[in-house]
Amino acid sequence: MKIFIWRHSKFLSSWSMFDEPHIYRDNYLQAEVAVLAESREEALELIEKDGQWNIHELRRIEPKVVALDSPAIVSKFVHFG
């Protein structure tokens, strides 16, 4: 098993960034989803069942993958506002 983490921020985006992903169905500034699964495809299938995430857009972003066979920092997030 692995943990797959997708994170996207629109905090510094502008209207000129037309091709920017939009990973969550509602409007957001920052969104993150973390899933425990055997593969990226299985993780995306689980996320799709939630119904709130844009799977096509998540596929555009490479997730952080954390293997569970050794100690590791799972996620880091710092927001200075």
PDB file of N, CA and C in Angstrom:
ATOM      1  N   MET A   1       0.827  -1.181   0.000  1.00  0.00           N
ATOM      2  CA  MET A   1       0.000   0.000   0.000  1.00  0.00           C
ATOM      3  C   MET A   1       0.875   1.249   0.000  1.00  0.00           C
ATOM      4  N   LYS A   2       0.319   2.306  -0.549  1.00  0.00           N
ATOM      5  CA  LYS A   2       0.994   3.598  -0.617  1.00  0.00           C
ATOM      6  C   LYS A   2      -0.028   4.690  -0.324  1.00  0.00           C
ATOM      7  N   ILE A   3       0.482   5.841   0.053  1.00  0.00           N
ATOM      8  CA  ILE A   3      -0.366   7.025   0.199  1.00  0.00           C
ATOM      9  C   ILE A   3      -0.102   7.918  -1.013  1.00  0.00           C
ATOM     10  N   PHE A   4      -1.158   8.285  -1.698  1.00  0.00           N
ATOM     11  CA  PHE A   4      -1.080   9.175  -2.855  1.00  0.00           C
ATOM     12  C   PHE A   4      -1.678  10.512  -2.443  1.00  0.00           C
ATOM     13  N   ILE A   5      -0.916  11.593  -2.642  1.00  0.00           N
ATOM     14  CA  ILE A   5      -1.366  12.918  -2.217  1.00  0.00           C
ATOM     15  C   ILE A   5      -1.366  13.869  -3.414  1.00  0.00           C
ATOM     16  N   TRP A   6      -2.543  14.405  -3.690  1.00  0.00           N
ATOM     17  CA  TRP A   6      -2.671  15.444  -4.716  1.00  0.00           C
ATOM     18  C   TRP A   6      -2.964  16.757  -4.006  1.00  0.00           C
ATOM     19  N   ARG A   7      -2.244  17.799  -4.371  1.00  0.00           N
ATOM     20  CA  ARG A   7      -2.472  19.126  -3.796  1.00  0.00           C
ATOM     21  C   ARG A   7      -2.415  20.155  -4.920  1.00  0.00           C
ATOM     22  N   HIS A   8      -3.318  21.109  -4.859  1.00  0.00           N
ATOM     23  CA  HIS A   8      -3.306  22.188  -5.848  1.00  0.00           C
ATOM     24  C   HIS A   8      -3.680  23.493  -5.165  1.00  0.00           C
ATOM     25  N   SER A   9      -2.992  24.548  -5.524  1.00  0.00           N
ATOM     26  CA  SER A   9      -3.266  25.864  -4.970  1.00  0.00           C
ATOM     27  C   SER A   9      -3.532  26.862  -6.087  1.00  0.00           C
ATOM     28  N   LYS A  10      -4.556  27.649  -5.901  1.00  0.00           N
ATOM     29  CA  LYS A  10      -4.859  28.749  -6.816  1.00  0.00           C
ATOM     30  C   LYS A  10      -4.526  30.080  -6.162  1.00  0.00           C
ATOM     31  N   PHE A  11      -3.845  30.013  -5.061  1.00  0.00           N
ATOM     32  CA  PHE A  11      -3.570  31.200  -4.260  1.00  0.00           C
ATOM     33  C   PHE A  11      -2.902  32.307  -5.063  1.00  0.00           C
ATOM     34  N   LEU A  12      -1.943  31.978  -5.907  1.00  0.00           N
ATOM     35  CA  LEU A  12      -1.226  32.995  -6.682  1.00  0.00           C
ATOM     36  C   LEU A  12      -1.593  32.968  -8.161  1.00  0.00           C
ATOM     37  N   SER A  13      -2.708  32.334  -8.499  1.00  0.00           N
ATOM     38  CA  SER A  13      -3.079  32.248  -9.910  1.00  0.00           C
ATOM     39  C   SER A  13      -3.714  33.559 -10.377  1.00  0.00           C
ATOM     40  N   SER A  14      -3.785  33.695 -11.683  1.00  0.00           N
ATOM     41  CA  SER A  14      -4.417  34.873 -12.274  1.00  0.00           C
ATOM     42  C   SER A  14      -5.249  34.428 -13.468  1.00  0.00           C
ATOM     43  N   TRP A  15      -6.031  35.336 -14.018  1.00  0.00           N
ATOM     44  CA  TRP A  15      -6.865  34.999 -15.173  1.00  0.00           C
ATOM     45  C   TRP A  15      -6.036  34.604 -16.381  1.00  0.00           C
ATOM     46  N   SER A  16      -4.759  34.935 -16.380  1.00  0.00           N
ATOM     47  CA  SER A  16      -3.922  34.586 -17.524  1.00  0.00           C
ATOM     48  C   SER A  16      -3.517  33.113 -17.517  1.00  0.00           C
ATOM     49  N   MET A  17      -3.836  32.396 -16.464  1.00  0.00           N
ATOM     50  CA  MET A  17      -3.465  30.986 -16.361  1.00  0.00           C
ATOM     51  C   MET A  17      -4.656  30.120 -16.803  1.00  0.00           C
ATOM     52  N   PHE A  18      -4.980  30.162 -18.093  1.00  0.00           N
ATOM     53  CA  PHE A  18      -6.177  29.509 -18.612  1.00  0.00           C
ATOM     54  C   PHE A  18      -6.134  27.988 -18.530  1.00  0.00           C
ATOM     55  N   ASP A  19      -4.962  27.405 -18.588  1.00  0.00           N
ATOM     56  CA  ASP A  19      -4.859  25.947 -18.613  1.00  0.00           C
ATOM     57  C   ASP A  19      -4.585  25.357 -17.229  1.00  0.00           C
ATOM     58  N   GLU A  20      -4.800  26.126 -16.192  1.00  0.00           N
ATOM     59  CA  GLU A  20      -4.552  25.667 -14.829  1.00  0.00           C
ATOM     60  C   GLU A  20      -5.582  24.606 -14.433  1.00  0.00           C
ATOM     61  N   PRO A  21      -5.154  23.533 -13.759  1.00  0.00           N
ATOM     62  CA  PRO A  21      -6.113  22.502 -13.333  1.00  0.00           C
ATOM     63  C   PRO A  21      -7.131  23.048 -12.344  1.00  0.00           C
ATOM     64  N   HIS A  22      -8.287  22.431 -12.327  1.00  0.00           N
ATOM     65  CA  HIS A  22      -9.334  22.739 -11.346  1.00  0.00           C
ATOM     66  C   HIS A  22      -9.772  21.392 -10.777  1.00  0.00           C
ATOM     67  N   ILE A  23      -9.149  20.962  -9.659  1.00  0.00           N
ATOM     68  CA  ILE A  23      -9.282  19.586  -9.199  1.00  0.00           C
ATOM     69  C   ILE A  23     -10.523  19.299  -8.352  1.00  0.00           C
ATOM     70  N   TYR A  24     -11.168  20.335  -7.820  1.00  0.00           N
ATOM     71  CA  TYR A  24     -12.348  20.136  -6.975  1.00  0.00           C
ATOM     72  C   TYR A  24     -13.551  20.766  -7.650  1.00  0.00           C
ATOM     73  N   ARG A  25     -14.720  20.169  -7.510  1.00  0.00           N
ATOM     74  CA  ARG A  25     -15.912  20.638  -8.225  1.00  0.00           C
ATOM     75  C   ARG A  25     -16.344  22.043  -7.832  1.00  0.00           C
ATOM     76  N   ASP A  26     -16.259  22.392  -6.554  1.00  0.00           N
ATOM     77  CA  ASP A  26     -16.607  23.740  -6.109  1.00  0.00           C
ATOM     78  C   ASP A  26     -15.393  24.649  -6.257  1.00  0.00           C
ATOM     79  N   ASN A  27     -15.619  25.948  -6.130  1.00  0.00           N
ATOM     80  CA  ASN A  27     -14.511  26.895  -6.203  1.00  0.00           C
ATOM     81  C   ASN A  27     -13.647  26.755  -4.944  1.00  0.00           C
ATOM     82  N   TYR A  28     -12.354  26.898  -5.087  1.00  0.00           N
ATOM     83  CA  TYR A  28     -11.442  26.730  -3.952  1.00  0.00           C
ATOM     84  C   TYR A  28     -10.184  27.564  -4.162  1.00  0.00           C
ATOM     85  N   LEU A  29      -9.472  27.830  -3.076  1.00  0.00           N
ATOM     86  CA  LEU A  29      -8.140  28.431  -3.165  1.00  0.00           C
ATOM     87  C   LEU A  29      -7.069  27.356  -3.086  1.00  0.00           C
ATOM     88  N   GLN A  30      -7.271  26.395  -2.198  1.00  0.00           N
ATOM     89  CA  GLN A  30      -6.323  25.301  -2.049  1.00  0.00           C
ATOM     90  C   GLN A  30      -7.104  24.028  -1.789  1.00  0.00           C
ATOM     91  N   ALA A  31      -6.692  22.945  -2.426  1.00  0.00           N
ATOM     92  CA  ALA A  31      -7.372  21.665  -2.226  1.00  0.00           C
ATOM     93  C   ALA A  31      -6.328  20.564  -2.159  1.00  0.00           C
ATOM     94  N   GLU A  32      -6.601  19.579  -1.306  1.00  0.00           N
ATOM     95  CA  GLU A  32      -5.708  18.438  -1.170  1.00  0.00           C
ATOM     96  C   GLU A  32      -6.541  17.198  -0.895  1.00  0.00           C
ATOM     97  N   VAL A  33      -6.147  16.092  -1.504  1.00  0.00           N
ATOM     98  CA  VAL A  33      -6.772  14.810  -1.220  1.00  0.00           C
ATOM     99  C   VAL A  33      -5.652  13.781  -1.069  1.00  0.00           C
ATOM    100  N   ALA A  34      -5.746  12.960  -0.028  1.00  0.00           N
ATOM    101  CA  ALA A  34      -4.755  11.917   0.239  1.00  0.00           C
ATOM    102  C   ALA A  34      -5.489  10.585   0.311  1.00  0.00           C
ATOM    103  N   VAL A  35      -4.950   9.572  -0.358  1.00  0.00           N
ATOM    104  CA  VAL A  35      -5.626   8.283  -0.473  1.00  0.00           C
ATOM    105  C   VAL A  35      -4.643   7.156  -0.202  1.00  0.00           C
ATOM    106  N   LEU A  36      -5.091   6.163   0.549  1.00  0.00           N
ATOM    107  CA  LEU A  36      -4.325   4.948   0.773  1.00  0.00           C
ATOM    108  C   LEU A  36      -4.799   3.917  -0.243  1.00  0.00           C
ATOM    109  N   ALA A  37      -3.888   3.457  -1.107  1.00  0.00           N
ATOM    110  CA  ALA A  37      -4.260   2.524  -2.174  1.00  0.00           C
ATOM    111  C   ALA A  37      -3.026   1.755  -2.649  1.00  0.00           C
ATOM    112  N   GLU A  38      -3.284   0.720  -3.442  1.00  0.00           N
ATOM    113  CA  GLU A  38      -2.194  -0.076  -4.022  1.00  0.00           C
ATOM    114  C   GLU A  38      -1.547   0.625  -5.220  1.00  0.00           C
ATOM    115  N   SER A  39      -2.343   1.387  -5.980  1.00  0.00           N
ATOM    116  CA  SER A  39      -1.840   2.022  -7.196  1.00  0.00           C
ATOM    117  C   SER A  39      -2.489   3.385  -7.387  1.00  0.00           C
ATOM    118  N   ARG A  40      -1.910   4.156  -8.298  1.00  0.00           N
ATOM    119  CA  ARG A  40      -2.475   5.472  -8.626  1.00  0.00           C
ATOM    120  C   ARG A  40      -3.890   5.318  -9.182  1.00  0.00           C
ATOM    121  N   GLU A  41      -4.088   4.322 -10.047  1.00  0.00           N
ATOM    122  CA  GLU A  41      -5.412   4.108 -10.634  1.00  0.00           C
ATOM    123  C   GLU A  41      -6.448   3.742  -9.577  1.00  0.00           C
ATOM    124  N   GLU A  42      -6.071   2.902  -8.620  1.00  0.00           N
ATOM    125  CA  GLU A  42      -6.992   2.556  -7.551  1.00  0.00           C
ATOM    126  C   GLU A  42      -7.327   3.795  -6.707  1.00  0.00           C
ATOM    127  N   ALA A  43      -6.323   4.625  -6.455  1.00  0.00           N
ATOM    128  CA  ALA A  43      -6.544   5.864  -5.703  1.00  0.00           C
ATOM    129  C   ALA A  43      -7.531   6.766  -6.441  1.00  0.00           C
ATOM    130  N   LEU A  44      -7.355   6.913  -7.737  1.00  0.00           N
ATOM    131  CA  LEU A  44      -8.259   7.757  -8.523  1.00  0.00           C
ATOM    132  C   LEU A  44      -9.676   7.190  -8.547  1.00  0.00           C
ATOM    133  N   GLU A  45      -9.810   5.872  -8.588  1.00  0.00           N
ATOM    134  CA  GLU A  45     -11.130   5.247  -8.542  1.00  0.00           C
ATOM    135  C   GLU A  45     -11.836   5.559  -7.218  1.00  0.00           C
ATOM    136  N   LEU A  46     -11.102   5.492  -6.124  1.00  0.00           N
ATOM    137  CA  LEU A  46     -11.674   5.812  -4.816  1.00  0.00           C
ATOM    138  C   LEU A  46     -12.096   7.279  -4.741  1.00  0.00           C
ATOM    139  N   ILE A  47     -11.248   8.163  -5.268  1.00  0.00           N
ATOM    140  CA  ILE A  47     -11.571   9.593  -5.276  1.00  0.00           C
ATOM    141  C   ILE A  47     -12.809   9.859  -6.118  1.00  0.00           C
ATOM    142  N   GLU A  48     -12.908   9.187  -7.253  1.00  0.00           N
ATOM    143  CA  GLU A  48     -14.049   9.394  -8.147  1.00  0.00           C
ATOM    144  C   GLU A  48     -15.370   9.021  -7.462  1.00  0.00           C
ATOM    145  N   LYS A  49     -15.351   8.014  -6.614  1.00  0.00           N
ATOM    146  CA  LYS A  49     -16.557   7.599  -5.887  1.00  0.00           C
ATOM    147  C   LYS A  49     -17.056   8.692  -4.939  1.00  0.00           C
ATOM    148  N   ASP A  50     -16.142   9.556  -4.494  1.00  0.00           N
ATOM    149  CA  ASP A  50     -16.528  10.661  -3.607  1.00  0.00           C
ATOM    150  C   ASP A  50     -17.439  11.652  -4.316  1.00  0.00           C
ATOM    151  N   GLY A  51     -17.237  11.834  -5.618  1.00  0.00           N
ATOM    152  CA  GLY A  51     -18.104  12.694  -6.417  1.00  0.00           C
ATOM    153  C   GLY A  51     -17.787  14.178  -6.390  1.00  0.00           C
ATOM    154  N   GLN A  52     -16.810  14.602  -5.618  1.00  0.00           N
ATOM    155  CA  GLN A  52     -16.496  16.031  -5.517  1.00  0.00           C
ATOM    156  C   GLN A  52     -15.228  16.432  -6.266  1.00  0.00           C
ATOM    157  N   TRP A  53     -14.509  15.461  -6.775  1.00  0.00           N
ATOM    158  CA  TRP A  53     -13.203  15.747  -7.384  1.00  0.00           C
ATOM    159  C   TRP A  53     -13.262  15.557  -8.887  1.00  0.00           C
ATOM    160  N   ASN A  54     -12.533  16.394  -9.620  1.00  0.00           N
ATOM    161  CA  ASN A  54     -12.429  16.302 -11.077  1.00  0.00           C
ATOM    162  C   ASN A  54     -11.274  15.361 -11.427  1.00  0.00           C
ATOM    163  N   ILE A  55     -11.608  14.122 -11.709  1.00  0.00           N
ATOM    164  CA  ILE A  55     -10.595  13.095 -11.955  1.00  0.00           C
ATOM    165  C   ILE A  55      -9.731  13.448 -13.165  1.00  0.00           C
ATOM    166  N   HIS A  56     -10.346  13.960 -14.223  1.00  0.00           N
ATOM    167  CA  HIS A  56      -9.579  14.352 -15.419  1.00  0.00           C
ATOM    168  C   HIS A  56      -8.492  15.371 -15.059  1.00  0.00           C
ATOM    169  N   GLU A  57      -8.824  16.306 -14.203  1.00  0.00           N
ATOM    170  CA  GLU A  57      -7.860  17.328 -13.787  1.00  0.00           C
ATOM    171  C   GLU A  57      -6.799  16.751 -12.845  1.00  0.00           C
ATOM    172  N   LEU A  58      -7.201  15.838 -11.949  1.00  0.00           N
ATOM    173  CA  LEU A  58      -6.218  15.203 -11.063  1.00  0.00           C
ATOM    174  C   LEU A  58      -5.183  14.413 -11.854  1.00  0.00           C
ATOM    175  N   ARG A  59      -5.598  13.822 -12.962  1.00  0.00           N
ATOM    176  CA  ARG A  59      -4.658  13.063 -13.805  1.00  0.00           C
ATOM    177  C   ARG A  59      -3.554  13.963 -14.374  1.00  0.00           C
ATOM    178  N   ARG A  60      -3.798  15.247 -14.457  1.00  0.00           N
ATOM    179  CA  ARG A  60      -2.794  16.186 -14.980  1.00  0.00           C
ATOM    180  C   ARG A  60      -1.698  16.486 -13.960  1.00  0.00           C
ATOM    181  N   ILE A  61      -1.962  16.177 -12.699  1.00  0.00           N
ATOM    182  CA  ILE A  61      -1.024  16.486 -11.621  1.00  0.00           C
ATOM    183  C   ILE A  61      -0.381  15.202 -11.131  1.00  0.00           C
ATOM    184  N   GLU A  62       0.914  15.199 -11.005  1.00  0.00           N
ATOM    185  CA  GLU A  62       1.625  14.037 -10.458  1.00  0.00           C
ATOM    186  C   GLU A  62       1.495  14.062  -8.933  1.00  0.00           C
ATOM    187  N   PRO A  63       0.933  13.001  -8.349  1.00  0.00           N
ATOM    188  CA  PRO A  63       0.777  13.008  -6.889  1.00  0.00           C
ATOM    189  C   PRO A  63       2.099  12.726  -6.189  1.00  0.00           C
ATOM    190  N   LYS A  64       2.189  13.157  -4.946  1.00  0.00           N
ATOM    191  CA  LYS A  64       3.284  12.718  -4.092  1.00  0.00           C
ATOM    192  C   LYS A  64       2.916  11.308  -3.659  1.00  0.00           C
ATOM    193  N   VAL A  65       3.860  10.375  -3.754  1.00  0.00           N
ATOM    194  CA  VAL A  65       3.599   8.988  -3.393  1.00  0.00           C
ATOM    195  C   VAL A  65       4.482   8.628  -2.208  1.00  0.00           C
ATOM    196  N   VAL A  66       3.852   8.133  -1.150  1.00  0.00           N
ATOM    197  CA  VAL A  66       4.574   7.738   0.057  1.00  0.00           C
ATOM    198  C   VAL A  66       4.392   6.237   0.249  1.00  0.00           C
ATOM    199  N   ALA A  67       5.493   5.486   0.151  1.00  0.00           N
ATOM    200  CA  ALA A  67       5.444   4.046   0.396  1.00  0.00           C
ATOM    201  C   ALA A  67       5.390   3.804   1.897  1.00  0.00           C
ATOM    202  N   LEU A  68       4.723   2.750   2.290  1.00  0.00           N
ATOM    203  CA  LEU A  68       4.535   2.475   3.707  1.00  0.00           C
ATOM    204  C   LEU A  68       5.541   1.475   4.266  1.00  0.00           C
ATOM    205  N   ASP A  69       6.660   1.290   3.576  1.00  0.00           N
ATOM    206  CA  ASP A  69       7.644   0.312   4.037  1.00  0.00           C
ATOM    207  C   ASP A  69       8.779   0.922   4.858  1.00  0.00           C
ATOM    208  N   SER A  70       8.779   2.236   5.006  1.00  0.00           N
ATOM    209  CA  SER A  70       9.802   2.888   5.830  1.00  0.00           C
ATOM    210  C   SER A  70       9.273   4.221   6.341  1.00  0.00           C
ATOM    211  N   PRO A  71       9.844   4.736   7.434  1.00  0.00           N
ATOM    212  CA  PRO A  71       9.390   6.023   7.957  1.00  0.00           C
ATOM    213  C   PRO A  71       9.561   7.142   6.928  1.00  0.00           C
ATOM    214  N   ALA A  72       8.602   8.047   6.897  1.00  0.00           N
ATOM    215  CA  ALA A  72       8.661   9.157   5.936  1.00  0.00           C
ATOM    216  C   ALA A  72       7.749  10.279   6.400  1.00  0.00           C
ATOM    217  N   ILE A  73       8.050  11.478   5.962  1.00  0.00           N
ATOM    218  CA  ILE A  73       7.127  12.595   6.154  1.00  0.00           C
ATOM    219  C   ILE A  73       6.017  12.398   5.133  1.00  0.00           C
ATOM    220  N   VAL A  74       4.792  12.344   5.596  1.00  0.00           N
ATOM    221  CA  VAL A  74       3.677  12.045   4.710  1.00  0.00           C
ATOM    222  C   VAL A  74       3.244  13.283   3.937  1.00  0.00           C
ATOM    223  N   SER A  75       3.133  14.418   4.595  1.00  0.00           N
ATOM    224  CA  SER A  75       2.679  15.626   3.930  1.00  0.00           C
ATOM    225  C   SER A  75       3.219  16.849   4.645  1.00  0.00           C
ATOM    226  N   LYS A  76       3.494  17.886   3.871  1.00  0.00           N
ATOM    227  CA  LYS A  76       3.905  19.172   4.437  1.00  0.00           C
ATOM    228  C   LYS A  76       3.092  20.254   3.731  1.00  0.00           C
ATOM    229  N   PHE A  77       2.641  21.223   4.500  1.00  0.00           N
ATOM    230  CA  PHE A  77       1.897  22.325   3.917  1.00  0.00           C
ATOM    231  C   PHE A  77       2.140  23.569   4.740  1.00  0.00           C
ATOM    232  N   VAL A  78       2.568  24.625   4.076  1.00  0.00           N
ATOM    233  CA  VAL A  78       2.806  25.907   4.742  1.00  0.00           C
ATOM    234  C   VAL A  78       2.116  26.973   3.906  1.00  0.00           C
ATOM    235  N   HIS A  79       1.304  27.789   4.555  1.00  0.00           N
ATOM    236  CA  HIS A  79       0.626  28.876   3.859  1.00  0.00           C
ATOM    237  C   HIS A  79       0.899  30.169   4.617  1.00  0.00           C
ATOM    238  N   PHE A  80       1.526  31.100   3.953  1.00  0.00           N
ATOM    239  CA  PHE A  80       1.761  32.403   4.539  1.00  0.00           C
ATOM    240  C   PHE A  80       0.815  33.391   3.885  1.00  0.00           C
ATOM    241  N   GLY A  81      -0.077  33.938   4.611  1.00  0.00           N
ATOM    242  CA  GLY A  81      -1.081  34.801   4.014  1.00  0.00           C
ATOM    243  C   GLY A  81      -1.103  36.082   4.634  1.00  0.00           C
TER     244      GLY A  81
END
